[in-house]
PDB file of N, CA and C in Angstrom:
ATOM      1  N   UNK A   1     171.074  -0.032 -72.008  1.00  0.00           N
ATOM      2  CA  UNK A   1     171.344  -0.602 -73.319  1.00  0.00           C
ATOM      3  C   UNK A   1     170.038  -0.615 -74.133  1.00  0.00           C
ATOM      4  N   UNK A   2     170.230  -0.606 -75.409  1.00  0.00           N
ATOM      5  CA  UNK A   2     169.087  -0.659 -76.326  1.00  0.00           C
ATOM      6  C   UNK A   2     168.434  -2.026 -76.233  1.00  0.00           C
ATOM      7  N   UNK A   3     167.099  -2.047 -76.327  1.00  0.00           N
ATOM      8  CA  UNK A   3     166.368  -3.326 -76.250  1.00  0.00           C
ATOM      9  C   UNK A   3     166.702  -4.296 -77.371  1.00  0.00           C
ATOM     10  N   UNK A   4     166.869  -3.755 -78.585  1.00  0.00           N
ATOM     11  CA  UNK A   4     167.230  -4.594 -79.697  1.00  0.00           C
ATOM     12  C   UNK A   4     168.594  -5.251 -79.513  1.00  0.00           C
ATOM     13  N   UNK A   5     169.538  -4.483 -78.922  1.00  0.00           N
ATOM     14  CA  UNK A   5     170.870  -5.028 -78.682  1.00  0.00           C
ATOM     15  C   UNK A   5     170.811  -6.152 -77.627  1.00  0.00           C
ATOM     16  N   UNK A   6     170.011  -5.983 -76.604  1.00  0.00           N
ATOM     17  CA  UNK A   6     169.827  -6.994 -75.566  1.00  0.00           C
ATOM     18  C   UNK A   6     169.276  -8.288 -76.189  1.00  0.00           C
ATOM     19  N   UNK A   7     168.231  -8.113 -77.023  1.00  0.00           N
ATOM     20  CA  UNK A   7     167.619  -9.295 -77.628  1.00  0.00           C
ATOM     21  C   UNK A   7     168.609  -9.998 -78.563  1.00  0.00           C
ATOM     22  N   UNK A   8     169.365  -9.243 -79.314  1.00  0.00           N
ATOM     23  CA  UNK A   8     170.366  -9.815 -80.222  1.00  0.00           C
ATOM     24  C   UNK A   8     171.459 -10.530 -79.431  1.00  0.00           C
ATOM     25  N   UNK A   9     171.873  -9.957 -78.323  1.00  0.00           N
ATOM     26  CA  UNK A   9     172.876 -10.604 -77.486  1.00  0.00           C
ATOM     27  C   UNK A   9     172.355 -11.887 -76.893  1.00  0.00           C
ATOM     28  N   UNK A  10     171.113 -11.883 -76.441  1.00  0.00           N
ATOM     29  CA  UNK A  10     170.493 -13.076 -75.886  1.00  0.00           C
ATOM     30  C   UNK A  10     170.332 -14.152 -76.944  1.00  0.00           C
ATOM     31  N   UNK A  11     169.919 -13.760 -78.135  1.00  0.00           N
ATOM     32  CA  UNK A  11     169.767 -14.660 -79.266  1.00  0.00           C
ATOM     33  C   UNK A  11     171.123 -15.315 -79.622  1.00  0.00           C
ATOM     34  N   UNK A  12     172.154 -14.537 -79.646  1.00  0.00           N
ATOM     35  CA  UNK A  12     173.484 -15.038 -79.967  1.00  0.00           C
ATOM     36  C   UNK A  12     173.930 -16.056 -78.899  1.00  0.00           C
ATOM     37  N   UNK A  13     173.709 -15.744 -77.650  1.00  0.00           N
ATOM     38  CA  UNK A  13     174.079 -16.664 -76.572  1.00  0.00           C
ATOM     39  C   UNK A  13     173.298 -17.969 -76.685  1.00  0.00           C
ATOM     40  N   UNK A  14     172.032 -17.901 -77.008  1.00  0.00           N
ATOM     41  CA  UNK A  14     171.265 -19.146 -77.113  1.00  0.00           C
ATOM     42  C   UNK A  14     171.671 -19.943 -78.336  1.00  0.00           C
ATOM     43  N   UNK A  15     172.061 -19.275 -79.406  1.00  0.00           N
ATOM     44  CA  UNK A  15     172.574 -20.027 -80.573  1.00  0.00           C
ATOM     45  C   UNK A  15     173.868 -20.757 -80.242  1.00  0.00           C
ATOM     46  N   UNK A  16     174.728 -20.117 -79.477  1.00  0.00           N
ATOM     47  CA  UNK A  16     175.962 -20.767 -79.036  1.00  0.00           C
ATOM     48  C   UNK A  16     175.644 -21.950 -78.139  1.00  0.00           C
ATOM     49  N   UNK A  17     174.678 -21.754 -77.239  1.00  0.00           N
ATOM     50  CA  UNK A  17     174.272 -22.858 -76.346  1.00  0.00           C
ATOM     51  C   UNK A  17     173.669 -24.041 -77.154  1.00  0.00           C
ATOM     52  N   UNK A  18     172.889 -23.717 -78.139  1.00  0.00           N
ATOM     53  CA  UNK A  18     172.295 -24.756 -79.013  1.00  0.00           C
ATOM     54  C   UNK A  18     173.381 -25.572 -79.709  1.00  0.00           C
ATOM     55  N   UNK A  19     174.370 -24.866 -80.249  1.00  0.00           N
ATOM     56  CA  UNK A  19     175.484 -25.584 -80.914  1.00  0.00           C
ATOM     57  C   UNK A  19     176.317 -26.385 -79.922  1.00  0.00           C
ATOM     58  N   UNK A  20     176.522 -25.846 -78.735  1.00  0.00           N
ATOM     59  CA  UNK A  20     177.309 -26.571 -77.734  1.00  0.00           C
ATOM     60  C   UNK A  20     176.576 -27.855 -77.311  1.00  0.00           C
ATOM     61  N   UNK A  21     175.267 -27.802 -77.084  1.00  0.00           N
ATOM     62  CA  UNK A  21     174.530 -28.985 -76.722  1.00  0.00           C
ATOM     63  C   UNK A  21     174.610 -30.012 -77.865  1.00  0.00           C
ATOM     64  N   UNK A  22     174.502 -29.552 -79.068  1.00  0.00           N
ATOM     65  CA  UNK A  22     174.571 -30.451 -80.226  1.00  0.00           C
ATOM     66  C   UNK A  22     175.962 -31.153 -80.264  1.00  0.00           C
ATOM     67  N   UNK A  23     177.030 -30.364 -80.133  1.00  0.00           N
ATOM     68  CA  UNK A  23     178.369 -30.936 -80.194  1.00  0.00           C
ATOM     69  C   UNK A  23     178.614 -31.909 -79.059  1.00  0.00           C
ATOM     70  N   UNK A  24     178.261 -31.523 -77.822  1.00  0.00           N
ATOM     71  CA  UNK A  24     178.467 -32.432 -76.702  1.00  0.00           C
ATOM     72  C   UNK A  24     177.615 -33.663 -76.786  1.00  0.00           C
ATOM     73  N   UNK A  25     176.386 -33.503 -77.337  1.00  0.00           N
ATOM     74  CA  UNK A  25     175.532 -34.703 -77.532  1.00  0.00           C
ATOM     75  C   UNK A  25     176.118 -35.685 -78.520  1.00  0.00           C
ATOM     76  N   UNK A  26     176.693 -35.174 -79.594  1.00  0.00           N
ATOM     77  CA  UNK A  26     177.298 -36.041 -80.614  1.00  0.00           C
ATOM     78  C   UNK A  26     178.551 -36.707 -79.997  1.00  0.00           C
ATOM     79  N   UNK A  27     179.361 -35.956 -79.308  1.00  0.00           N
ATOM     80  CA  UNK A  27     180.544 -36.533 -78.664  1.00  0.00           C
ATOM     81  C   UNK A  27     180.153 -37.626 -77.670  1.00  0.00           C
ATOM     82  N   UNK A  28     179.104 -37.352 -76.918  1.00  0.00           N
ATOM     83  CA  UNK A  28     178.646 -38.372 -75.946  1.00  0.00           C
ATOM     84  C   UNK A  28     178.127 -39.612 -76.681  1.00  0.00           C
ATOM     85  N   UNK A  29     177.386 -39.400 -77.764  1.00  0.00           N
ATOM     86  CA  UNK A  29     176.841 -40.552 -78.494  1.00  0.00           C
ATOM     87  C   UNK A  29     177.933 -41.405 -79.117  1.00  0.00           C
ATOM     88  N   UNK A  30     179.021 -40.759 -79.527  1.00  0.00           N
ATOM     89  CA  UNK A  30     180.123 -41.529 -80.121  1.00  0.00           C
ATOM     90  C   UNK A  30     181.050 -42.195 -79.137  1.00  0.00           C
ATOM     91  N   UNK A  31     181.101 -41.716 -77.892  1.00  0.00           N
ATOM     92  CA  UNK A  31     182.092 -42.261 -76.943  1.00  0.00           C
ATOM     93  C   UNK A  31     181.475 -42.975 -75.738  1.00  0.00           C
ATOM     94  N   UNK A  32     180.439 -42.440 -75.156  1.00  0.00           N
ATOM     95  CA  UNK A  32     180.031 -42.968 -73.852  1.00  0.00           C
ATOM     96  C   UNK A  32     178.616 -43.535 -73.870  1.00  0.00           C
ATOM     97  N   UNK A  33     178.082 -43.927 -74.992  1.00  0.00           N
ATOM     98  CA  UNK A  33     176.698 -44.392 -75.030  1.00  0.00           C
ATOM     99  C   UNK A  33     176.561 -45.770 -74.396  1.00  0.00           C
ATOM    100  N   UNK A  34     177.634 -46.535 -74.358  1.00  0.00           N
ATOM    101  CA  UNK A  34     177.547 -47.885 -73.805  1.00  0.00           C
ATOM    102  C   UNK A  34     177.780 -47.971 -72.305  1.00  0.00           C
ATOM    103  N   UNK A  35     177.893 -46.797 -71.633  1.00  0.00           N
ATOM    104  CA  UNK A  35     178.056 -46.791 -70.208  1.00  0.00           C
ATOM    105  C   UNK A  35     176.746 -47.024 -69.486  1.00  0.00           C
ATOM    106  N   UNK A  36     176.798 -47.058 -68.158  1.00  0.00           N
ATOM    107  CA  UNK A  36     175.623 -47.416 -67.365  1.00  0.00           C
ATOM    108  C   UNK A  36     174.433 -46.468 -67.605  1.00  0.00           C
ATOM    109  N   UNK A  37     174.716 -45.185 -67.597  1.00  0.00           N
ATOM    110  CA  UNK A  37     173.649 -44.193 -67.740  1.00  0.00           C
ATOM    111  C   UNK A  37     173.743 -43.457 -69.097  1.00  0.00           C
ATOM    112  N   UNK A  38     174.369 -44.064 -70.079  1.00  0.00           N
ATOM    113  CA  UNK A  38     174.583 -43.406 -71.369  1.00  0.00           C
ATOM    114  C   UNK A  38     173.298 -43.022 -72.081  1.00  0.00           C
ATOM    115  N   UNK A  39     172.341 -43.923 -72.100  1.00  0.00           N
ATOM    116  CA  UNK A  39     171.072 -43.631 -72.802  1.00  0.00           C
ATOM    117  C   UNK A  39     170.290 -42.510 -72.089  1.00  0.00           C
ATOM    118  N   UNK A  40     170.352 -42.532 -70.758  1.00  0.00           N
ATOM    119  CA  UNK A  40     169.683 -41.489 -70.011  1.00  0.00           C
ATOM    120  C   UNK A  40     170.288 -40.134 -70.248  1.00  0.00           C
ATOM    121  N   UNK A  41     171.599 -40.059 -70.287  1.00  0.00           N
ATOM    122  CA  UNK A  41     172.272 -38.796 -70.581  1.00  0.00           C
ATOM    123  C   UNK A  41     172.009 -38.339 -72.001  1.00  0.00           C
ATOM    124  N   UNK A  42     171.956 -39.261 -72.952  1.00  0.00           N
ATOM    125  CA  UNK A  42     171.652 -38.873 -74.319  1.00  0.00           C
ATOM    126  C   UNK A  42     170.228 -38.303 -74.414  1.00  0.00           C
ATOM    127  N   UNK A  43     169.297 -38.896 -73.640  1.00  0.00           N
ATOM    128  CA  UNK A  43     167.939 -38.334 -73.635  1.00  0.00           C
ATOM    129  C   UNK A  43     167.946 -36.909 -73.041  1.00  0.00           C
ATOM    130  N   UNK A  44     168.757 -36.691 -72.058  1.00  0.00           N
ATOM    131  CA  UNK A  44     168.870 -35.355 -71.452  1.00  0.00           C
ATOM    132  C   UNK A  44     169.426 -34.351 -72.491  1.00  0.00           C
ATOM    133  N   UNK A  45     170.414 -34.795 -73.277  1.00  0.00           N
ATOM    134  CA  UNK A  45     170.947 -33.913 -74.360  1.00  0.00           C
ATOM    135  C   UNK A  45     169.838 -33.604 -75.381  1.00  0.00           C
ATOM    136  N   UNK A  46     169.044 -34.584 -75.704  1.00  0.00           N
ATOM    137  CA  UNK A  46     167.969 -34.348 -76.681  1.00  0.00           C
ATOM    138  C   UNK A  46     166.963 -33.325 -76.122  1.00  0.00           C
ATOM    139  N   UNK A  47     166.606 -33.475 -74.867  1.00  0.00           N
ATOM    140  CA  UNK A  47     165.680 -32.538 -74.258  1.00  0.00           C
ATOM    141  C   UNK A  47     166.253 -31.097 -74.185  1.00  0.00           C
ATOM    142  N   UNK A  48     167.563 -31.009 -73.854  1.00  0.00           N
ATOM    143  CA  UNK A  48     168.194 -29.687 -73.830  1.00  0.00           C
ATOM    144  C   UNK A  48     168.264 -29.091 -75.224  1.00  0.00           C
ATOM    145  N   UNK A  49     168.488 -29.915 -76.243  1.00  0.00           N
ATOM    146  CA  UNK A  49     168.540 -29.436 -77.614  1.00  0.00           C
ATOM    147  C   UNK A  49     167.160 -28.908 -78.043  1.00  0.00           C
ATOM    148  N   UNK A  50     166.090 -29.627 -77.701  1.00  0.00           N
ATOM    149  CA  UNK A  50     164.764 -29.189 -78.016  1.00  0.00           C
ATOM    150  C   UNK A  50     164.428 -27.837 -77.319  1.00  0.00           C
ATOM    151  N   UNK A  51     164.771 -27.786 -76.013  1.00  0.00           N
ATOM    152  CA  UNK A  51     164.549 -26.567 -75.268  1.00  0.00           C
ATOM    153  C   UNK A  51     165.294 -25.353 -75.865  1.00  0.00           C
ATOM    154  N   UNK A  52     166.564 -25.547 -76.175  1.00  0.00           N
ATOM    155  CA  UNK A  52     167.366 -24.458 -76.747  1.00  0.00           C
ATOM    156  C   UNK A  52     166.852 -24.060 -78.129  1.00  0.00           C
ATOM    157  N   UNK A  53     166.423 -25.034 -78.892  1.00  0.00           N
ATOM    158  CA  UNK A  53     165.836 -24.743 -80.228  1.00  0.00           C
ATOM    159  C   UNK A  53     164.558 -23.923 -80.099  1.00  0.00           C
ATOM    160  N   UNK A  54     163.707 -24.271 -79.160  1.00  0.00           N
ATOM    161  CA  UNK A  54     162.497 -23.480 -78.947  1.00  0.00           C
ATOM    162  C   UNK A  54     162.791 -22.072 -78.488  1.00  0.00           C
ATOM    163  N   UNK A  55     163.786 -21.943 -77.621  1.00  0.00           N
ATOM    164  CA  UNK A  55     164.169 -20.591 -77.135  1.00  0.00           C
ATOM    165  C   UNK A  55     164.709 -19.744 -78.289  1.00  0.00           C
ATOM    166  N   UNK A  56     165.455 -20.372 -79.207  1.00  0.00           N
ATOM    167  CA  UNK A  56     166.004 -19.636 -80.336  1.00  0.00           C
ATOM    168  C   UNK A  56     164.861 -19.156 -81.236  1.00  0.00           C
ATOM    169  N   UNK A  57     163.881 -20.002 -81.493  1.00  0.00           N
ATOM    170  CA  UNK A  57     162.736 -19.622 -82.342  1.00  0.00           C
ATOM    171  C   UNK A  57     161.986 -18.488 -81.666  1.00  0.00           C
ATOM    172  N   UNK A  58     161.725 -18.577 -80.367  1.00  0.00           N
ATOM    173  CA  UNK A  58     161.006 -17.519 -79.658  1.00  0.00           C
ATOM    174  C   UNK A  58     161.796 -16.213 -79.722  1.00  0.00           C
ATOM    175  N   UNK A  59     163.100 -16.264 -79.497  1.00  0.00           N
ATOM    176  CA  UNK A  59     163.907 -15.055 -79.504  1.00  0.00           C
ATOM    177  C   UNK A  59     163.957 -14.431 -80.914  1.00  0.00           C
ATOM    178  N   UNK A  60     163.985 -15.228 -81.943  1.00  0.00           N
ATOM    179  CA  UNK A  60     163.965 -14.676 -83.315  1.00  0.00           C
ATOM    180  C   UNK A  60     162.645 -13.954 -83.537  1.00  0.00           C
ATOM    181  N   UNK A  61     161.543 -14.541 -83.131  1.00  0.00           N
ATOM    182  CA  UNK A  61     160.235 -13.865 -83.293  1.00  0.00           C
ATOM    183  C   UNK A  61     160.202 -12.566 -82.507  1.00  0.00           C
ATOM    184  N   UNK A  62     160.711 -12.572 -81.287  1.00  0.00           N
ATOM    185  CA  UNK A  62     160.728 -11.341 -80.492  1.00  0.00           C
ATOM    186  C   UNK A  62     161.613 -10.280 -81.114  1.00  0.00           C
ATOM    187  N   UNK A  63     162.733 -10.700 -81.667  1.00  0.00           N
ATOM    188  CA  UNK A  63     163.646  -9.743 -82.310  1.00  0.00           C
ATOM    189  C   UNK A  63     163.011  -9.138 -83.559  1.00  0.00           C
ATOM    190  N   UNK A  64     162.335  -9.946 -84.338  1.00  0.00           N
ATOM    191  CA  UNK A  64     161.663  -9.421 -85.548  1.00  0.00           C
ATOM    192  C   UNK A  64     160.519  -8.479 -85.172  1.00  0.00           C
ATOM    193  N   UNK A  65     159.878  -8.734 -84.032  1.00  0.00           N
ATOM    194  CA  UNK A  65     158.768  -7.871 -83.610  1.00  0.00           C
ATOM    195  C   UNK A  65     159.244  -6.492 -83.221  1.00  0.00           C
ATOM    196  N   UNK A  66     160.478  -6.382 -82.756  1.00  0.00           N
ATOM    197  CA  UNK A  66     161.032  -5.103 -82.295  1.00  0.00           C
ATOM    198  C   UNK A  66     161.351  -4.148 -83.442  1.00  0.00           C
ATOM    199  N   UNK A  67     161.487  -4.656 -84.639  1.00  0.00           N
ATOM    200  CA  UNK A  67     161.871  -3.799 -85.785  1.00  0.00           C
ATOM    201  C   UNK A  67     160.752  -2.867 -86.189  1.00  0.00           C
TER     202      UNK A  67
END
């Protein structure tokens, strides 16, 4: 496969993962925050969101560099 296509596919998958973490984090914050480990799980969602956001930024830079 072409390298640009691989990078674009990876970037698309990470954008979907970023949106999924955001949606599940919001759902968790609205429904299960008052449970025993609710705050801990919300912190995990925040960390996953930051990680996925950083990966998206890095992949965009790599994709632009390939042009």
